[in-house]
């Protein structure tokens, strides 16, 4: 099976979408646990930690097949410095 080159626009779109979903779910659970009017109020740090882990997993599932899921810019910079990622792709 031959590798298919994915256009840069699609790669950027899926990175954005994966990051968006991760932040939406992660911050949503923090709001749920923190706000007194919500059903999850007082859920505690275990709920927040588990939900953030699941949020990262969802972001990776979305972006991973297209970009390798560099949802954190530090991952991209680290891979570029190690020579495992093209420097021309760091800015986009």
PDB file of N, CA and C in Angstrom:
ATOM      1  N   UNK A   1       0.833  -1.181   0.000  1.00  0.00           N
ATOM      2  CA  UNK A   1       0.000   0.000   0.000  1.00  0.00           C
ATOM      3  C   UNK A   1       0.876   1.243   0.000  1.00  0.00           C
ATOM      4  N   UNK A   2       0.569   2.174  -0.867  1.00  0.00           N
ATOM      5  CA  UNK A   2       1.368   3.372  -1.037  1.00  0.00           C
ATOM      6  C   UNK A   2       0.933   4.481  -0.074  1.00  0.00           C
ATOM      7  N   UNK A   3       1.888   5.201   0.488  1.00  0.00           N
ATOM      8  CA  UNK A   3       1.569   6.314   1.382  1.00  0.00           C
ATOM      9  C   UNK A   3       1.015   7.483   0.585  1.00  0.00           C
ATOM     10  N   UNK A   4      -0.025   8.106   1.105  1.00  0.00           N
ATOM     11  CA  UNK A   4      -0.667   9.237   0.440  1.00  0.00           C
ATOM     12  C   UNK A   4      -0.261  10.509   1.168  1.00  0.00           C
ATOM     13  N   UNK A   5       0.185  11.507   0.406  1.00  0.00           N
ATOM     14  CA  UNK A   5       0.561  12.802   0.979  1.00  0.00           C
ATOM     15  C   UNK A   5      -0.700  13.610   1.260  1.00  0.00           C
ATOM     16  N   UNK A   6      -0.867  14.036   2.493  1.00  0.00           N
ATOM     17  CA  UNK A   6      -2.037  14.808   2.896  1.00  0.00           C
ATOM     18  C   UNK A   6      -1.710  16.290   2.763  1.00  0.00           C
ATOM     19  N   UNK A   7      -2.584  17.076   2.111  1.00  0.00           N
ATOM     20  CA  UNK A   7      -2.318  18.513   1.939  1.00  0.00           C
ATOM     21  C   UNK A   7      -2.151  19.226   3.281  1.00  0.00           C
ATOM     22  N   UNK A   8      -1.326  20.258   3.291  1.00  0.00           N
ATOM     23  CA  UNK A   8      -1.016  21.000   4.519  1.00  0.00           C
ATOM     24  C   UNK A   8      -2.273  21.607   5.131  1.00  0.00           C
ATOM     25  N   UNK A   9      -3.207  22.063   4.291  1.00  0.00           N
ATOM     26  CA  UNK A   9      -4.443  22.637   4.812  1.00  0.00           C
ATOM     27  C   UNK A   9      -5.215  21.603   5.633  1.00  0.00           C
ATOM     28  N   UNK A  10      -5.317  20.384   5.121  1.00  0.00           N
ATOM     29  CA  UNK A  10      -6.032  19.329   5.851  1.00  0.00           C
ATOM     30  C   UNK A  10      -5.316  18.973   7.146  1.00  0.00           C
ATOM     31  N   UNK A  11      -4.001  18.940   7.116  1.00  0.00           N
ATOM     32  CA  UNK A  11      -3.251  18.653   8.333  1.00  0.00           C
ATOM     33  C   UNK A  11      -3.507  19.722   9.388  1.00  0.00           C
ATOM     34  N   UNK A  12      -3.461  20.985   8.981  1.00  0.00           N
ATOM     35  CA  UNK A  12      -3.720  22.085   9.921  1.00  0.00           C
ATOM     36  C   UNK A  12      -5.151  22.034  10.436  1.00  0.00           C
ATOM     37  N   UNK A  13      -6.092  21.709   9.563  1.00  0.00           N
ATOM     38  CA  UNK A  13      -7.492  21.615   9.972  1.00  0.00           C
ATOM     39  C   UNK A  13      -7.690  20.535  11.027  1.00  0.00           C
ATOM     40  N   UNK A  14      -7.113  19.359  10.823  1.00  0.00           N
ATOM     41  CA  UNK A  14      -7.290  18.282  11.785  1.00  0.00           C
ATOM     42  C   UNK A  14      -6.543  18.543  13.090  1.00  0.00           C
ATOM     43  N   UNK A  15      -5.409  19.224  13.035  1.00  0.00           N
ATOM     44  CA  UNK A  15      -4.733  19.629  14.268  1.00  0.00           C
ATOM     45  C   UNK A  15      -5.613  20.611  15.045  1.00  0.00           C
ATOM     46  N   UNK A  16      -6.206  21.581  14.334  1.00  0.00           N
ATOM     47  CA  UNK A  16      -7.101  22.544  14.971  1.00  0.00           C
ATOM     48  C   UNK A  16      -8.300  21.832  15.576  1.00  0.00           C
ATOM     49  N   UNK A  17      -8.915  20.932  14.819  1.00  0.00           N
ATOM     50  CA  UNK A  17     -10.103  20.224  15.289  1.00  0.00           C
ATOM     51  C   UNK A  17      -9.782  19.350  16.500  1.00  0.00           C
ATOM     52  N   UNK A  18      -8.676  18.643  16.476  1.00  0.00           N
ATOM     53  CA  UNK A  18      -8.279  17.814  17.617  1.00  0.00           C
ATOM     54  C   UNK A  18      -8.011  18.644  18.856  1.00  0.00           C
ATOM     55  N   UNK A  19      -7.325  19.775  18.686  1.00  0.00           N
ATOM     56  CA  UNK A  19      -7.048  20.664  19.814  1.00  0.00           C
ATOM     57  C   UNK A  19      -8.339  21.271  20.343  1.00  0.00           C
ATOM     58  N   UNK A  20      -9.236  21.651  19.431  1.00  0.00           N
ATOM     59  CA  UNK A  20     -10.517  22.233  19.822  1.00  0.00           C
ATOM     60  C   UNK A  20     -11.328  21.262  20.681  1.00  0.00           C
ATOM     61  N   UNK A  21     -11.426  20.020  20.242  1.00  0.00           N
ATOM     62  CA  UNK A  21     -12.186  19.016  20.985  1.00  0.00           C
ATOM     63  C   UNK A  21     -11.541  18.757  22.348  1.00  0.00           C
ATOM     64  N   UNK A  22     -10.216  18.673  22.373  1.00  0.00           N
ATOM     65  CA  UNK A  22      -9.519  18.434  23.631  1.00  0.00           C
ATOM     66  C   UNK A  22      -9.801  19.555  24.632  1.00  0.00           C
ATOM     67  N   UNK A  23      -9.674  20.800  24.209  1.00  0.00           N
ATOM     68  CA  UNK A  23      -9.898  21.935  25.101  1.00  0.00           C
ATOM     69  C   UNK A  23     -11.361  22.034  25.508  1.00  0.00           C
ATOM     70  N   UNK A  24     -12.275  21.812  24.562  1.00  0.00           N
ATOM     71  CA  UNK A  24     -13.704  21.880  24.858  1.00  0.00           C
ATOM     72  C   UNK A  24     -14.091  20.866  25.933  1.00  0.00           C
ATOM     73  N   UNK A  25     -13.674  19.623  25.774  1.00  0.00           N
ATOM     74  CA  UNK A  25     -14.028  18.590  26.750  1.00  0.00           C
ATOM     75  C   UNK A  25     -13.313  18.801  28.082  1.00  0.00           C
ATOM     76  N   UNK A  26     -12.025  19.140  28.026  1.00  0.00           N
ATOM     77  CA  UNK A  26     -11.262  19.323  29.258  1.00  0.00           C
ATOM     78  C   UNK A  26     -11.752  20.495  30.088  1.00  0.00           C
ATOM     79  N   UNK A  27     -11.948  21.630  29.447  1.00  0.00           N
ATOM     80  CA  UNK A  27     -12.441  22.801  30.183  1.00  0.00           C
ATOM     81  C   UNK A  27     -13.895  22.619  30.593  1.00  0.00           C
ATOM     82  N   UNK A  28     -14.644  21.861  29.801  1.00  0.00           N
ATOM     83  CA  UNK A  28     -16.037  21.592  30.150  1.00  0.00           C
ATOM     84  C   UNK A  28     -16.160  20.813  31.444  1.00  0.00           C
ATOM     85  N   UNK A  29     -15.304  19.835  31.648  1.00  0.00           N
ATOM     86  CA  UNK A  29     -15.387  19.065  32.893  1.00  0.00           C
ATOM     87  C   UNK A  29     -14.929  19.901  34.084  1.00  0.00           C
ATOM     88  N   UNK A  30     -13.965  20.772  33.880  1.00  0.00           N
ATOM     89  CA  UNK A  30     -13.538  21.645  34.976  1.00  0.00           C
ATOM     90  C   UNK A  30     -14.673  22.589  35.357  1.00  0.00           C
ATOM     91  N   UNK A  31     -15.384  23.113  34.360  1.00  0.00           N
ATOM     92  CA  UNK A  31     -16.528  23.974  34.640  1.00  0.00           C
ATOM     93  C   UNK A  31     -17.621  23.188  35.358  1.00  0.00           C
ATOM     94  N   UNK A  32     -17.860  21.974  34.935  1.00  0.00           N
ATOM     95  CA  UNK A  32     -18.902  21.143  35.551  1.00  0.00           C
ATOM     96  C   UNK A  32     -18.599  20.861  37.022  1.00  0.00           C
ATOM     97  N   UNK A  33     -17.357  20.564  37.322  1.00  0.00           N
ATOM     98  CA  UNK A  33     -16.979  20.240  38.695  1.00  0.00           C
ATOM     99  C   UNK A  33     -16.926  21.495  39.570  1.00  0.00           C
ATOM    100  N   UNK A  34     -16.669  22.653  38.964  1.00  0.00           N
ATOM    101  CA  UNK A  34     -16.461  23.886  39.728  1.00  0.00           C
ATOM    102  C   UNK A  34     -17.723  24.713  39.951  1.00  0.00           C
ATOM    103  N   UNK A  35     -18.667  24.658  39.029  1.00  0.00           N
ATOM    104  CA  UNK A  35     -19.840  25.532  39.112  1.00  0.00           C
ATOM    105  C   UNK A  35     -20.916  24.936  40.015  1.00  0.00           C
ATOM    106  N   UNK A  36     -21.392  25.739  40.964  1.00  0.00           N
ATOM    107  CA  UNK A  36     -22.324  25.245  41.969  1.00  0.00           C
ATOM    108  C   UNK A  36     -23.657  24.780  41.395  1.00  0.00           C
ATOM    109  N   UNK A  37     -24.104  25.339  40.284  1.00  0.00           N
ATOM    110  CA  UNK A  37     -25.395  24.959  39.720  1.00  0.00           C
ATOM    111  C   UNK A  37     -25.365  23.704  38.859  1.00  0.00           C
ATOM    112  N   UNK A  38     -24.199  23.113  38.662  1.00  0.00           N
ATOM    113  CA  UNK A  38     -24.105  21.952  37.771  1.00  0.00           C
ATOM    114  C   UNK A  38     -24.290  20.647  38.550  1.00  0.00           C
ATOM    115  N   UNK A  39     -24.627  19.596  37.831  1.00  0.00           N
ATOM    116  CA  UNK A  39     -24.836  18.284  38.470  1.00  0.00           C
ATOM    117  C   UNK A  39     -23.524  17.637  38.902  1.00  0.00           C
ATOM    118  N   UNK A  40     -22.403  18.082  38.342  1.00  0.00           N
ATOM    119  CA  UNK A  40     -21.118  17.500  38.691  1.00  0.00           C
ATOM    120  C   UNK A  40     -20.366  18.268  39.752  1.00  0.00           C
ATOM    121  N   UNK A  41     -21.009  19.253  40.376  1.00  0.00           N
ATOM    122  CA  UNK A  41     -20.326  20.098  41.354  1.00  0.00           C
ATOM    123  C   UNK A  41     -19.711  19.246  42.461  1.00  0.00           C
ATOM    124  N   UNK A  42     -18.458  19.518  42.743  1.00  0.00           N
ATOM    125  CA  UNK A  42     -17.758  18.817  43.813  1.00  0.00           C
ATOM    126  C   UNK A  42     -17.280  17.427  43.417  1.00  0.00           C
ATOM    127  N   UNK A  43     -17.192  17.174  42.126  1.00  0.00           N
ATOM    128  CA  UNK A  43     -16.772  15.856  41.653  1.00  0.00           C
ATOM    129  C   UNK A  43     -15.359  15.482  42.076  1.00  0.00           C
ATOM    130  N   UNK A  44     -14.508  16.467  42.229  1.00  0.00           N
ATOM    131  CA  UNK A  44     -13.164  16.209  42.720  1.00  0.00           C
ATOM    132  C   UNK A  44     -12.121  16.067  41.622  1.00  0.00           C
ATOM    133  N   UNK A  45     -10.886  15.939  42.078  1.00  0.00           N
ATOM    134  CA  UNK A  45      -9.756  15.917  41.153  1.00  0.00           C
ATOM    135  C   UNK A  45      -9.696  14.643  40.341  1.00  0.00           C
ATOM    136  N   UNK A  46     -10.241  13.538  40.854  1.00  0.00           N
ATOM    137  CA  UNK A  46     -10.210  12.282  40.096  1.00  0.00           C
ATOM    138  C   UNK A  46     -11.060  12.416  38.838  1.00  0.00           C
ATOM    139  N   UNK A  47     -12.224  13.037  38.970  1.00  0.00           N
ATOM    140  CA  UNK A  47     -13.103  13.246  37.817  1.00  0.00           C
ATOM    141  C   UNK A  47     -12.420  14.143  36.793  1.00  0.00           C
ATOM    142  N   UNK A  48     -11.813  15.225  37.257  1.00  0.00           N
ATOM    143  CA  UNK A  48     -11.145  16.167  36.350  1.00  0.00           C
ATOM    144  C   UNK A  48      -9.978  15.475  35.640  1.00  0.00           C
ATOM    145  N   UNK A  49      -9.168  14.732  36.366  1.00  0.00           N
ATOM    146  CA  UNK A  49      -8.009  14.063  35.784  1.00  0.00           C
ATOM    147  C   UNK A  49      -8.420  13.018  34.763  1.00  0.00           C
ATOM    148  N   UNK A  50      -9.389  12.198  35.098  1.00  0.00           N
ATOM    149  CA  UNK A  50      -9.861  11.166  34.185  1.00  0.00           C
ATOM    150  C   UNK A  50     -10.470  11.789  32.925  1.00  0.00           C
ATOM    151  N   UNK A  51     -11.274  12.828  33.104  1.00  0.00           N
ATOM    152  CA  UNK A  51     -11.911  13.468  31.950  1.00  0.00           C
ATOM    153  C   UNK A  51     -10.890  14.171  31.057  1.00  0.00           C
ATOM    154  N   UNK A  52      -9.869  14.793  31.637  1.00  0.00           N
ATOM    155  CA  UNK A  52      -8.829  15.417  30.805  1.00  0.00           C
ATOM    156  C   UNK A  52      -8.071  14.357  30.019  1.00  0.00           C
ATOM    157  N   UNK A  53      -7.825  13.219  30.627  1.00  0.00           N
ATOM    158  CA  UNK A  53      -7.184  12.122  29.905  1.00  0.00           C
ATOM    159  C   UNK A  53      -8.028  11.650  28.736  1.00  0.00           C
ATOM    160  N   UNK A  54      -9.324  11.521  28.943  1.00  0.00           N
ATOM    161  CA  UNK A  54     -10.221  11.130  27.861  1.00  0.00           C
ATOM    162  C   UNK A  54     -10.311  12.219  26.792  1.00  0.00           C
ATOM    163  N   UNK A  55     -10.238  13.488  27.208  1.00  0.00           N
ATOM    164  CA  UNK A  55     -10.270  14.595  26.248  1.00  0.00           C
ATOM    165  C   UNK A  55      -9.039  14.564  25.345  1.00  0.00           C
ATOM    166  N   UNK A  56      -7.879  14.301  25.925  1.00  0.00           N
ATOM    167  CA  UNK A  56      -6.661  14.187  25.118  1.00  0.00           C
ATOM    168  C   UNK A  56      -6.771  13.005  24.165  1.00  0.00           C
ATOM    169  N   UNK A  57      -7.313  11.893  24.649  1.00  0.00           N
ATOM    170  CA  UNK A  57      -7.492  10.717  23.804  1.00  0.00           C
ATOM    171  C   UNK A  57      -8.392  11.037  22.606  1.00  0.00           C
ATOM    172  N   UNK A  58      -9.488  11.753  22.838  1.00  0.00           N
ATOM    173  CA  UNK A  58     -10.393  12.124  21.741  1.00  0.00           C
ATOM    174  C   UNK A  58      -9.680  13.019  20.727  1.00  0.00           C
ATOM    175  N   UNK A  59      -8.908  13.982  21.208  1.00  0.00           N
ATOM    176  CA  UNK A  59      -8.150  14.843  20.304  1.00  0.00           C
ATOM    177  C   UNK A  59      -7.144  14.065  19.471  1.00  0.00           C
ATOM    178  N   UNK A  60      -6.490  13.088  20.085  1.00  0.00           N
ATOM    179  CA  UNK A  60      -5.516  12.261  19.369  1.00  0.00           C
ATOM    180  C   UNK A  60      -6.218  11.371  18.349  1.00  0.00           C
ATOM    181  N   UNK A  61      -7.375  10.836  18.697  1.00  0.00           N
ATOM    182  CA  UNK A  61      -8.127  10.011  17.747  1.00  0.00           C
ATOM    183  C   UNK A  61      -8.542  10.812  16.525  1.00  0.00           C
ATOM    184  N   UNK A  62      -8.829  12.100  16.703  1.00  0.00           N
ATOM    185  CA  UNK A  62      -9.250  12.940  15.582  1.00  0.00           C
ATOM    186  C   UNK A  62      -8.058  13.322  14.708  1.00  0.00           C
ATOM    187  N   UNK A  63      -6.976  13.804  15.321  1.00  0.00           N
ATOM    188  CA  UNK A  63      -5.842  14.331  14.560  1.00  0.00           C
ATOM    189  C   UNK A  63      -4.795  13.276  14.218  1.00  0.00           C
ATOM    190  N   UNK A  64      -4.710  12.229  14.982  1.00  0.00           N
ATOM    191  CA  UNK A  64      -3.650  11.236  14.838  1.00  0.00           C
ATOM    192  C   UNK A  64      -3.475  10.637  13.454  1.00  0.00           C
ATOM    193  N   UNK A  65      -4.539  10.154  12.819  1.00  0.00           N
ATOM    194  CA  UNK A  65      -4.359   9.526  11.505  1.00  0.00           C
ATOM    195  C   UNK A  65      -3.854  10.477  10.414  1.00  0.00           C
ATOM    196  N   UNK A  66      -4.022  11.768  10.604  1.00  0.00           N
ATOM    197  CA  UNK A  66      -3.667  12.741   9.568  1.00  0.00           C
ATOM    198  C   UNK A  66      -2.356  13.459   9.827  1.00  0.00           C
ATOM    199  N   UNK A  67      -2.022  13.685  11.118  1.00  0.00           N
ATOM    200  CA  UNK A  67      -0.862  14.519  11.421  1.00  0.00           C
ATOM    201  C   UNK A  67       0.103  13.917  12.433  1.00  0.00           C
ATOM    202  N   UNK A  68      -0.277  12.880  13.104  1.00  0.00           N
ATOM    203  CA  UNK A  68       0.535  12.355  14.193  1.00  0.00           C
ATOM    204  C   UNK A  68       0.140  12.955  15.526  1.00  0.00           C
ATOM    205  N   UNK A  69      -0.852  13.822  15.516  1.00  0.00           N
ATOM    206  CA  UNK A  69      -1.449  14.416  16.729  1.00  0.00           C
ATOM    207  C   UNK A  69      -0.448  15.211  17.562  1.00  0.00           C
ATOM    208  N   UNK A  70       0.121  16.240  16.982  1.00  0.00           N
ATOM    209  CA  UNK A  70       0.975  17.174  17.732  1.00  0.00           C
ATOM    210  C   UNK A  70       0.076  18.231  18.352  1.00  0.00           C
ATOM    211  N   UNK A  71      -0.777  17.857  19.258  1.00  0.00           N
ATOM    212  CA  UNK A  71      -1.733  18.792  19.851  1.00  0.00           C
ATOM    213  C   UNK A  71      -1.042  19.832  20.724  1.00  0.00           C
ATOM    214  N   UNK A  72       0.147  19.534  21.175  1.00  0.00           N
ATOM    215  CA  UNK A  72       0.925  20.440  21.998  1.00  0.00           C
ATOM    216  C   UNK A  72       2.106  20.950  21.161  1.00  0.00           C
ATOM    217  N   UNK A  73       2.257  22.265  21.024  1.00  0.00           N
ATOM    218  CA  UNK A  73       3.374  22.787  20.234  1.00  0.00           C
ATOM    219  C   UNK A  73       4.745  22.328  20.733  1.00  0.00           C
ATOM    220  N   UNK A  74       4.846  22.015  22.010  1.00  0.00           N
ATOM    221  CA  UNK A  74       6.123  21.534  22.535  1.00  0.00           C
ATOM    222  C   UNK A  74       6.505  20.193  21.913  1.00  0.00           C
ATOM    223  N   UNK A  75       5.516  19.367  21.591  1.00  0.00           N
ATOM    224  CA  UNK A  75       5.795  18.088  20.932  1.00  0.00           C
ATOM    225  C   UNK A  75       6.384  18.341  19.549  1.00  0.00           C
ATOM    226  N   UNK A  76       5.789  19.266  18.817  1.00  0.00           N
ATOM    227  CA  UNK A  76       6.259  19.594  17.474  1.00  0.00           C
ATOM    228  C   UNK A  76       7.686  20.131  17.517  1.00  0.00           C
ATOM    229  N   UNK A  77       7.956  21.069  18.422  1.00  0.00           N
ATOM    230  CA  UNK A  77       9.311  21.633  18.535  1.00  0.00           C
ATOM    231  C   UNK A  77      10.323  20.567  18.956  1.00  0.00           C
ATOM    232  N   UNK A  78       9.947  19.732  19.898  1.00  0.00           N
ATOM    233  CA  UNK A  78      10.853  18.680  20.348  1.00  0.00           C
ATOM    234  C   UNK A  78      11.197  17.699  19.235  1.00  0.00           C
ATOM    235  N   UNK A  79      10.187  17.294  18.456  1.00  0.00           N
ATOM    236  CA  UNK A  79      10.451  16.381  17.343  1.00  0.00           C
ATOM    237  C   UNK A  79      11.288  17.047  16.256  1.00  0.00           C
ATOM    238  N   UNK A  80      11.051  18.334  16.006  1.00  0.00           N
ATOM    239  CA  UNK A  80      11.847  19.048  15.002  1.00  0.00           C
ATOM    240  C   UNK A  80      13.305  19.163  15.455  1.00  0.00           C
ATOM    241  N   UNK A  81      13.531  19.446  16.735  1.00  0.00           N
ATOM    242  CA  UNK A  81      14.898  19.547  17.252  1.00  0.00           C
ATOM    243  C   UNK A  81      15.606  18.198  17.225  1.00  0.00           C
ATOM    244  N   UNK A  82      14.853  17.129  17.388  1.00  0.00           N
ATOM    245  CA  UNK A  82      15.441  15.790  17.352  1.00  0.00           C
ATOM    246  C   UNK A  82      15.652  15.295  15.924  1.00  0.00           C
ATOM    247  N   UNK A  83      15.178  16.060  14.935  1.00  0.00           N
ATOM    248  CA  UNK A  83      15.355  15.689  13.545  1.00  0.00           C
ATOM    249  C   UNK A  83      14.331  14.693  13.028  1.00  0.00           C
ATOM    250  N   UNK A  84      13.249  14.514  13.765  1.00  0.00           N
ATOM    251  CA  UNK A  84      12.219  13.557  13.359  1.00  0.00           C
ATOM    252  C   UNK A  84      11.002  14.228  12.733  1.00  0.00           C
ATOM    253  N   UNK A  85      11.051  15.555  12.582  1.00  0.00           N
ATOM    254  CA  UNK A  85       9.941  16.304  12.005  1.00  0.00           C
ATOM    255  C   UNK A  85      10.532  17.443  11.192  1.00  0.00           C
ATOM    256  N   UNK A  86       9.977  17.682  10.029  1.00  0.00           N
ATOM    257  CA  UNK A  86      10.479  18.710   9.113  1.00  0.00           C
ATOM    258  C   UNK A  86      10.271  20.103   9.689  1.00  0.00           C
ATOM    259  N   UNK A  87      11.338  20.920   9.730  1.00  0.00           N
ATOM    260  CA  UNK A  87      11.254  22.283  10.250  1.00  0.00           C
ATOM    261  C   UNK A  87      10.293  23.141   9.436  1.00  0.00           C
ATOM    262  N   UNK A  88      10.119  22.838   8.178  1.00  0.00           N
ATOM    263  CA  UNK A  88       9.199  23.609   7.343  1.00  0.00           C
ATOM    264  C   UNK A  88       7.742  23.434   7.744  1.00  0.00           C
ATOM    265  N   UNK A  89       7.452  22.394   8.493  1.00  0.00           N
ATOM    266  CA  UNK A  89       6.077  22.136   8.936  1.00  0.00           C
ATOM    267  C   UNK A  89       5.803  22.646  10.358  1.00  0.00           C
ATOM    268  N   UNK A  90       6.805  23.228  11.017  1.00  0.00           N
ATOM    269  CA  UNK A  90       6.624  23.664  12.400  1.00  0.00           C
ATOM    270  C   UNK A  90       5.677  24.858  12.493  1.00  0.00           C
ATOM    271  N   UNK A  91       5.854  25.861  11.682  1.00  0.00           N
ATOM    272  CA  UNK A  91       5.008  27.068  11.760  1.00  0.00           C
ATOM    273  C   UNK A  91       3.546  26.762  11.412  1.00  0.00           C
ATOM    274  N   UNK A  92       3.249  26.085  10.324  1.00  0.00           N
ATOM    275  CA  UNK A  92       1.829  25.801  10.057  1.00  0.00           C
ATOM    276  C   UNK A  92       1.219  24.920  11.115  1.00  0.00           C
TER     277      UNK A  92
END
